[in-house]
Protein backbone atom coordinates (compact mmCIF):
# COMPACT_ATOMS: atom_id res chain seq x y z
CA MET A 1 3.68 51.17 1.10
CA THR A 2 6.88 49.49 2.18
CA ILE A 3 7.19 45.77 2.94
CA LYS A 4 7.72 46.58 6.63
CA ASP A 5 4.53 48.65 6.76
CA LEU A 6 2.65 45.92 4.90
CA LEU A 7 3.76 43.24 7.35
CA GLN A 8 2.91 45.44 10.35
CA GLU A 9 -0.58 46.10 8.97
CA THR A 10 -1.01 42.37 8.32
CA ALA A 11 0.02 41.42 11.86
CA THR A 12 -2.29 44.07 13.32
CA GLY A 13 -5.20 42.91 11.19
CA LEU A 14 -4.81 39.21 12.06
CA LEU A 15 -4.16 39.77 15.76
CA SER A 16 -7.05 42.21 16.25
CA ASN A 17 -9.39 39.23 16.69
CA LYS A 18 -7.25 36.26 17.69
CA VAL A 19 -10.12 33.82 18.27
CA ARG A 20 -11.66 34.41 14.85
CA THR A 21 -8.25 34.20 13.17
CA GLY A 22 -7.47 30.95 14.98
CA LEU A 23 -10.79 29.32 14.10
CA THR A 24 -10.47 30.36 10.45
CA MET A 25 -6.92 29.02 10.34
CA LEU A 26 -8.14 25.74 11.86
CA GLY A 27 -9.99 24.87 8.67
CA ILE A 28 -6.76 25.11 6.67
CA VAL A 29 -4.81 23.21 9.36
CA ILE A 30 -7.26 20.30 9.34
CA GLY A 31 -7.41 20.26 5.53
CA ILE A 32 -3.63 20.22 5.02
CA ALA A 33 -3.10 17.67 7.82
CA SER A 34 -5.78 15.40 6.34
CA VAL A 35 -4.29 15.54 2.85
CA ILE A 36 -0.77 14.76 4.08
CA ALA A 37 -1.92 11.97 6.39
CA MET A 38 -4.13 10.34 3.73
CA LEU A 39 -1.40 10.54 1.08
CA ALA A 40 1.07 9.07 3.59
CA VAL A 41 -1.29 6.19 4.33
CA GLY A 42 -1.83 5.56 0.62
CA ASN A 43 1.89 5.72 -0.17
CA GLY A 44 2.65 3.45 2.76
CA ALA A 45 0.07 0.90 1.64
CA THR A 46 1.51 0.97 -1.88
CA SER A 47 5.04 0.48 -0.60
CA THR A 48 3.99 -2.35 1.73
CA ILE A 49 2.10 -4.22 -0.98
CA GLN A 50 4.96 -3.82 -3.46
CA SER A 51 7.46 -5.08 -0.89
CA SER A 52 5.23 -8.06 -0.13
CA ILE A 53 4.94 -8.96 -3.80
CA GLU A 54 8.68 -8.53 -4.37
CA SER A 55 9.43 -10.71 -1.34
CA ILE A 56 7.41 -13.67 -2.62
CA GLY A 57 10.06 -14.53 -5.16
CA SER A 58 12.62 -13.40 -7.71
CA ASN A 59 11.60 -12.98 -11.38
CA LEU A 60 8.52 -15.02 -10.57
CA VAL A 61 5.93 -16.60 -12.88
CA VAL A 62 2.98 -18.40 -11.29
CA ILE A 63 0.80 -20.86 -13.19
CA SER A 64 -2.58 -21.63 -11.64
CA PRO A 65 -5.21 -24.20 -12.66
CA GLY A 66 -8.56 -23.08 -14.00
CA ALA A 67 -9.60 -20.95 -16.96
CA PRO A 68 -8.14 -17.44 -17.20
CA ARG A 69 -10.50 -14.73 -15.99
CA THR A 70 -11.34 -12.15 -18.61
CA PRO A 71 -12.57 -8.58 -17.99
CA GLY A 72 -16.32 -8.53 -17.38
CA SER A 73 -16.59 -12.27 -16.77
CA ALA A 74 -18.11 -13.72 -13.65
CA VAL A 75 -15.83 -14.81 -10.86
CA ASN A 76 -14.97 -18.46 -11.19
CA ALA A 77 -15.41 -20.06 -7.78
CA SER A 78 -13.28 -23.06 -8.74
CA ARG A 79 -10.37 -20.97 -9.92
CA GLY A 80 -7.19 -22.15 -8.15
CA SER A 81 -8.81 -25.38 -6.95
CA ALA A 82 -9.44 -26.94 -10.38
CA ASN A 83 -7.54 -30.13 -11.24
CA THR A 84 -5.77 -29.27 -14.49
CA LEU A 85 -2.07 -29.16 -13.59
CA THR A 86 -0.07 -32.32 -12.83
CA MET A 87 3.47 -33.33 -11.89
CA SER A 88 3.94 -34.38 -15.53
CA ASP A 89 3.32 -30.77 -16.53
CA VAL A 90 5.94 -29.69 -14.02
CA GLU A 91 8.53 -32.06 -15.51
CA ALA A 92 7.68 -30.88 -19.04
CA ILE A 93 8.22 -27.25 -17.99
CA LYS A 94 11.54 -28.14 -16.35
CA GLU A 95 12.74 -29.74 -19.59
CA GLY A 96 11.19 -27.31 -22.07
CA VAL A 97 11.52 -23.84 -20.54
CA THR A 98 15.17 -23.09 -21.19
CA SER A 99 15.09 -19.67 -19.51
CA ALA A 100 13.86 -21.05 -16.19
CA LYS A 101 16.24 -21.11 -13.23
CA TYR A 102 13.97 -22.95 -10.78
CA VAL A 103 10.63 -24.74 -11.13
CA ALA A 104 8.63 -25.79 -8.08
CA PRO A 105 5.15 -27.36 -7.88
CA VAL A 106 2.93 -26.52 -4.91
CA VAL A 107 0.09 -28.34 -3.16
CA SER A 108 -1.40 -26.10 -0.49
CA SER A 109 -4.10 -26.50 2.13
CA GLN A 110 -5.16 -25.32 5.59
CA LYS A 111 -4.63 -27.91 8.32
CA GLN A 112 -4.70 -28.18 12.08
CA ILE A 113 -1.23 -28.85 13.46
CA ILE A 114 -0.88 -30.57 16.84
CA ALA A 115 2.24 -30.75 18.99
CA ALA A 116 3.03 -31.14 22.70
CA GLY A 117 -0.57 -30.65 23.77
CA THR A 118 -1.04 -27.46 21.72
CA ASN A 119 -2.46 -26.87 18.27
CA THR A 120 -2.72 -24.23 15.60
CA ASN A 121 -4.44 -23.90 12.25
CA THR A 122 -2.05 -22.87 9.51
CA SER A 123 -1.04 -23.27 5.87
CA VAL A 124 0.57 -26.53 4.84
CA ILE A 125 2.59 -26.27 1.63
CA GLY A 126 3.73 -29.39 -0.14
CA THR A 127 6.59 -28.58 -2.50
CA THR A 128 10.19 -29.31 -3.55
CA PRO A 129 13.50 -27.75 -2.40
CA SER A 130 13.50 -25.38 -5.40
CA TYR A 131 10.55 -23.57 -3.81
CA PHE A 132 12.81 -22.18 -1.09
CA ASP A 133 15.13 -20.68 -3.72
CA ILE A 134 12.24 -19.20 -5.70
CA LYS A 135 10.64 -17.60 -2.63
CA ASN A 136 13.94 -16.42 -1.11
CA ILE A 137 13.28 -18.42 2.04
CA THR A 138 16.32 -18.93 4.26
CA ILE A 139 16.83 -21.34 7.13
CA ASN A 140 17.42 -20.22 10.70
CA LEU A 141 17.79 -23.57 12.45
CA GLY A 142 18.25 -27.04 10.93
CA VAL A 143 18.01 -27.74 7.19
CA PHE A 144 15.57 -27.80 4.31
CA PHE A 145 14.34 -31.18 3.10
CA SER A 146 16.17 -32.56 0.06
CA ASP A 147 15.12 -33.93 -3.34
CA GLU A 148 15.95 -37.40 -2.01
CA GLN A 149 13.55 -36.94 0.89
CA VAL A 150 10.87 -35.82 -1.58
CA THR A 151 11.42 -39.00 -3.62
CA GLN A 152 11.43 -41.19 -0.50
CA MET A 153 8.27 -39.47 0.80
CA ALA A 154 9.98 -38.70 4.08
CA ARG A 155 7.69 -37.37 6.81
CA VAL A 156 9.73 -34.28 7.59
CA VAL A 157 8.70 -30.65 7.90
CA VAL A 158 10.21 -27.18 7.84
CA ILE A 159 8.18 -24.67 9.84
CA GLY A 160 7.98 -20.91 10.08
CA PRO A 161 8.96 -19.09 13.29
CA THR A 162 5.36 -18.12 14.11
CA THR A 163 4.23 -21.72 13.82
CA ARG A 164 7.17 -22.77 16.01
CA ASP A 165 6.21 -20.22 18.67
CA ASP A 166 2.54 -21.28 18.59
CA LEU A 167 3.34 -24.98 18.98
CA PHE A 168 6.43 -25.09 21.19
CA GLY A 169 6.84 -21.64 22.71
CA GLU A 170 8.73 -18.54 21.66
CA GLY A 171 12.35 -19.19 20.74
CA VAL A 172 12.24 -22.90 21.61
CA ASP A 173 14.55 -25.20 19.63
CA ALA A 174 12.02 -27.29 17.68
CA ILE A 175 14.52 -29.36 15.68
CA GLY A 176 13.81 -33.08 16.13
CA LYS A 177 10.41 -32.51 17.72
CA THR A 178 7.28 -34.23 16.39
CA ILE A 179 4.09 -32.66 15.09
CA ARG A 180 0.86 -34.25 13.82
CA ILE A 181 -0.97 -33.18 10.67
CA SER A 182 -4.29 -34.93 9.99
CA GLY A 183 -3.23 -37.82 12.18
CA ASN A 184 0.19 -38.25 10.52
CA GLU A 185 3.41 -37.70 12.44
CA PHE A 186 6.18 -35.50 11.03
CA THR A 187 9.61 -34.62 12.34
CA VAL A 188 10.70 -30.97 12.37
CA ILE A 189 14.05 -30.63 10.58
CA GLY A 190 14.16 -26.87 10.02
CA VAL A 191 12.85 -23.45 11.11
CA THR A 192 12.90 -20.57 8.62
CA VAL A 193 14.08 -17.01 9.15
CA ALA A 194 11.27 -14.54 9.92
CA LYS A 195 10.10 -12.58 6.86
CA GLY A 196 7.17 -10.71 8.38
CA GLY A 197 3.57 -10.48 7.28
CA THR A 198 0.22 -11.21 8.90
CA GLY A 199 -2.75 -13.46 8.30
CA GLN A 200 -2.80 -16.14 5.62
CA SER A 201 -0.17 -14.24 3.62
CA SER A 202 2.44 -14.62 6.37
CA ALA A 203 5.50 -16.61 5.35
CA ASP A 204 6.24 -17.11 9.06
CA ASP A 205 3.06 -19.01 9.91
CA VAL A 206 3.43 -21.97 7.55
CA VAL A 207 4.51 -25.61 7.39
CA TYR A 208 6.49 -26.97 4.43
CA ILE A 209 6.46 -30.69 3.61
CA PRO A 210 7.62 -32.79 0.60
CA ILE A 211 5.03 -32.57 -2.18
CA THR A 212 4.89 -36.35 -2.56
CA VAL A 213 3.76 -36.65 1.06
CA ALA A 214 1.16 -33.90 0.60
CA GLN A 215 -0.28 -35.66 -2.45
CA GLN A 216 -0.43 -39.03 -0.71
CA PHE A 217 -1.94 -37.99 2.61
CA PHE A 218 -3.85 -34.78 1.92
CA THR A 219 -5.03 -34.62 -1.70
CA GLY A 220 -4.92 -38.27 -2.74
CA ASN A 221 -4.18 -37.37 -6.36
CA LYS A 222 -1.39 -36.27 -8.72
CA TYR A 223 -2.60 -32.70 -9.24
CA VAL A 224 -0.89 -29.53 -8.00
CA SER A 225 -2.31 -26.23 -6.75
CA SER A 226 0.18 -24.10 -8.72
CA ILE A 227 3.53 -24.12 -10.47
CA ASN A 228 6.11 -21.49 -9.51
CA ILE A 229 8.86 -20.62 -11.97
CA SER A 230 11.83 -18.33 -11.44
CA ALA A 231 13.40 -16.88 -14.58
CA GLN A 232 17.18 -16.64 -14.85
CA THR A 233 16.98 -12.86 -15.19
CA ALA A 234 14.26 -10.20 -15.02
CA ASP A 235 14.50 -9.71 -18.80
CA LEU A 236 13.54 -13.35 -19.38
CA VAL A 237 10.35 -13.37 -17.30
CA THR A 238 8.08 -12.80 -20.30
CA ASP A 239 9.99 -15.41 -22.30
CA VAL A 240 9.54 -17.95 -19.49
CA GLN A 241 5.84 -17.15 -19.29
CA ASN A 242 5.38 -17.61 -23.05
CA GLN A 243 7.38 -20.85 -23.18
CA ALA A 244 5.47 -22.36 -20.25
CA THR A 245 2.15 -21.35 -21.81
CA ASP A 246 3.03 -22.97 -25.17
CA ILE A 247 4.15 -26.18 -23.47
CA LEU A 248 0.97 -26.52 -21.42
CA LEU A 249 -1.32 -25.68 -24.35
CA ALA A 250 0.34 -28.42 -26.39
CA ARG A 251 0.22 -30.95 -23.54
CA HIS A 252 -3.46 -30.21 -22.83
CA ASN A 253 -4.36 -30.33 -26.57
CA ILE A 254 -5.68 -26.76 -26.56
CA THR A 255 -5.38 -24.80 -29.80
CA ASP A 256 -7.21 -21.65 -28.70
CA PRO A 257 -5.25 -19.84 -25.92
CA THR A 258 -8.44 -18.12 -24.74
CA LYS A 259 -9.82 -21.54 -23.80
CA ALA A 260 -6.80 -22.56 -21.74
CA ASP A 261 -7.53 -24.55 -18.58
CA PHE A 262 -4.81 -22.66 -16.69
CA SER A 263 -3.68 -19.06 -16.18
CA THR A 264 -0.28 -17.44 -15.83
CA MET A 265 0.78 -14.28 -14.06
CA ASN A 266 4.23 -12.81 -13.58
CA GLN A 267 5.56 -10.58 -10.84
CA SER A 268 5.32 -7.46 -12.99
CA ASP A 269 1.62 -8.12 -13.58
CA MET A 270 1.06 -8.48 -9.84
CA LEU A 271 2.94 -5.25 -9.12
CA ALA A 272 1.10 -3.34 -11.86
CA THR A 273 -2.30 -4.52 -10.63
CA ALA A 274 -1.52 -3.75 -7.00
CA SER A 275 -0.03 -0.34 -7.86
CA SER A 276 -3.06 0.58 -9.93
CA ILE A 277 -5.45 -0.25 -7.09
CA THR A 278 -3.44 1.48 -4.36
CA THR A 279 -2.83 4.57 -6.50
CA THR A 280 -6.56 4.91 -7.14
CA MET A 281 -7.28 4.53 -3.43
CA THR A 282 -4.60 7.13 -2.58
CA TYR A 283 -6.12 9.66 -4.96
CA LEU A 284 -9.58 8.93 -3.56
CA LEU A 285 -8.40 9.48 0.01
CA ALA A 286 -6.63 12.70 -1.00
CA ALA A 287 -9.74 13.95 -2.81
CA ILE A 288 -11.90 13.31 0.25
CA ALA A 289 -9.40 15.11 2.47
CA GLY A 290 -9.19 17.92 -0.09
CA ILE A 291 -12.85 18.76 0.53
CA SER A 292 -11.86 20.07 3.95
CA LEU A 293 -9.38 22.39 2.22
CA LEU A 294 -12.21 23.81 0.13
CA VAL A 295 -14.26 24.35 3.27
CA GLY A 296 -11.25 26.05 4.88
CA GLY A 297 -10.89 28.33 1.87
CA ILE A 298 -14.55 29.35 2.10
CA GLY A 299 -13.97 30.11 5.78
CA ILE A 300 -11.08 32.40 4.89
CA MET A 301 -13.19 34.26 2.33
CA ASN A 302 -15.96 34.68 4.90
CA MET A 303 -13.51 36.04 7.47
CA MET A 304 -11.89 38.46 5.04
CA LEU A 305 -15.28 39.78 3.87
CA THR A 306 -16.24 40.33 7.50
CA THR A 307 -12.91 42.09 8.08
CA VAL A 308 -13.48 44.37 5.10
CA THR A 309 -16.90 45.33 6.49
CA GLU A 310 -15.51 46.00 9.97
CA ARG A 311 -12.63 48.10 8.62
CA THR A 312 -14.62 50.10 6.08
CA ARG A 313 -13.93 53.45 7.82
CA GLU A 314 -10.22 52.58 8.04
CA ILE A 315 -10.15 51.85 4.30
CA GLY A 316 -11.92 55.14 3.57
CA LEU A 317 -9.45 57.04 5.74
CA ARG A 318 -6.43 55.45 4.08
CA LYS A 319 -7.81 56.26 0.64
CA ALA A 320 -8.49 59.82 1.72
CA VAL A 321 -4.84 60.31 2.67
CA GLY A 322 -3.58 58.93 -0.64
CA ALA A 323 -3.61 55.14 -0.51
CA LYS A 324 -4.12 53.63 -3.95
CA LYS A 325 -6.39 50.75 -4.91
CA ARG A 326 -3.47 48.37 -5.33
CA ASP A 327 -2.21 49.23 -1.81
CA ILE A 328 -5.57 48.33 -0.27
CA ARG A 329 -5.91 45.21 -2.43
CA LEU A 330 -2.37 44.08 -1.62
CA GLN A 331 -2.89 44.60 2.12
CA PHE A 332 -5.94 42.33 2.34
CA LEU A 333 -4.51 39.79 -0.09
CA VAL A 334 -1.31 39.49 1.98
CA GLU A 335 -3.41 38.99 5.13
CA SER A 336 -5.22 36.12 3.45
CA VAL A 337 -2.02 34.50 2.15
CA VAL A 338 -0.21 34.85 5.49
CA LEU A 339 -3.20 33.31 7.26
CA THR A 340 -3.23 30.26 4.98
CA ALA A 341 0.58 29.97 4.95
CA ILE A 342 0.74 29.80 8.75
CA GLY A 343 -2.17 27.34 8.75
CA GLY A 344 -0.37 25.33 6.07
CA VAL A 345 2.83 25.05 8.11
CA ILE A 346 0.90 23.95 11.20
CA GLY A 347 -1.14 21.54 9.07
CA ILE A 348 2.01 20.01 7.60
CA LEU A 349 3.48 19.44 11.06
CA LEU A 350 0.19 17.98 12.28
CA GLY A 351 -0.11 15.73 9.21
CA ILE A 352 3.44 14.41 9.68
CA SER A 353 2.68 13.77 13.36
CA ILE A 354 -0.49 11.85 12.47
CA ALA A 355 1.39 9.73 9.93
CA TRP A 356 4.11 9.06 12.48
CA ALA A 357 1.51 8.05 15.09
CA ILE A 358 -0.17 5.69 12.62
CA THR A 359 3.17 4.03 11.92
CA LEU A 360 3.86 3.65 15.65
CA THR A 361 0.63 1.68 16.10
CA GLY A 362 2.09 -1.04 13.88
CA LEU A 363 -1.22 -1.47 12.05
CA LEU A 364 -0.01 0.34 8.95
CA THR A 365 3.12 2.05 7.72
CA ALA A 366 2.49 5.64 6.63
CA LYS A 367 5.10 7.03 4.22
CA ILE A 368 5.55 10.80 3.93
CA SER A 369 6.77 12.06 0.57
CA ILE A 370 8.39 15.45 -0.10
CA SER A 371 6.07 15.94 -3.07
CA SER A 372 2.95 15.63 -0.88
CA VAL A 373 4.32 18.20 1.61
CA THR A 374 5.28 20.60 -1.18
CA LEU A 375 1.93 20.13 -2.90
CA SER A 376 0.00 20.71 0.31
CA PHE A 377 1.86 23.91 1.13
CA GLY A 378 1.46 25.16 -2.44
CA VAL A 379 -2.25 24.43 -2.34
CA SER A 380 -2.65 26.32 0.95
CA ALA A 381 -0.91 29.39 -0.51
CA LEU A 382 -3.04 29.14 -3.66
CA ILE A 383 -6.19 28.97 -1.55
CA GLY A 384 -5.11 32.15 0.22
CA ILE A 385 -4.75 33.93 -3.13
CA ILE A 386 -7.96 32.58 -4.69
CA PHE A 387 -10.26 33.02 -1.70
CA GLY A 388 -8.61 36.22 -0.57
CA TYR A 389 -8.70 38.03 -3.90
CA TYR A 390 -12.42 38.84 -3.94
CA PRO A 391 -12.48 40.42 -0.47
CA ALA A 392 -9.28 42.34 -1.31
CA ALA A 393 -10.75 43.58 -4.58
CA ARG A 394 -13.95 44.57 -2.82
CA ALA A 395 -11.99 46.55 -0.24
CA SER A 396 -9.96 48.35 -2.90
CA ASN A 397 -13.10 49.37 -4.81
CA LEU A 398 -14.80 51.05 -1.87
CA ASN A 399 -15.64 54.71 -2.42
CA PRO A 400 -13.62 56.71 0.15
CA ILE A 401 -16.48 59.16 0.90
CA ASP A 402 -19.02 56.34 1.44
CA ALA A 403 -16.46 54.43 3.48
CA LEU A 404 -15.86 57.40 5.79
CA ARG A 405 -19.60 57.78 6.32
CA TYR A 406 -19.98 54.05 7.14
CA GLU A 407 -21.23 53.40 10.68
């Protein structure tokens, strides 16, 4: 049998019952589209989380108050709000950590901000000018507050663009305007460049004030919520983390590191943790979507078995005129593979369209990868071979005399 004859027989076989062929192909289409769309969503989530973590600072090490959490331990409700880190610790780190480029303490809280008859509830971060360098925050209008203003406890603020829009209106020049935080008046001296993000993690919906002012009016003590450190280079991040840990253990008179009253985490740890979670979720989504591929494969086997039964007399006739077992087997196997290949191509196009539509909604960015498309198409072809082989083998093993007698 020539390739041309084989393809003609395949086309005739698949088009003899278009509705059944289309419905059988639909299972593969849905399966492939689901796998591609789910992988795209997972890859997009991974990319978004990694970008968010990378945007929070360069070569970052974050020290938080409270005992480190160990695997299997109960969640510590006071973690992050414990009073174990002070401004004295910050100064000691500045002097002792030689590999640090910037060190910035943070006092954070949620406050209601009032201005010009409007109000909004947002994050208030008390810090020093070094924080803006660590977090890669740039100014759009006005200036950042200075170290001198921190020392003088100046009531000045730098606000994010979302906060500006909520309080004064979109695009309004807020420089020099007054806002009230917990009954205290502050003058806006700067508006930051938009960085993106939503919810409490948004760097655009935030108010920055000198840390001395935050401690005086909002916390009433000398403690800080966290200490952010930027290493001079990426290679020195671990060195910075170790030096800072040793300094704090000595200052807090702690000899056993497992009993430390603070915890440290660097940017690589954050990325590794986030990547591990998102990768697991991506595989889970792909596995769930893959079930539909299995169902589609079973549908193909069912169709091909039905086709073999319906074409029993044809098979007997072809064998009677000299067709060999391998010719019959190849014919039905090619029909199965062509069916899944066409379904795979349609499924790939549908999956890409779904991912594109998800991205257009703005709720999530779906990221298509070449590997997922290649894998999906390969799987569809493999399904055609696996689920088509048994019906093809059954057709090739039919006895020509019995097949010709079949009614």
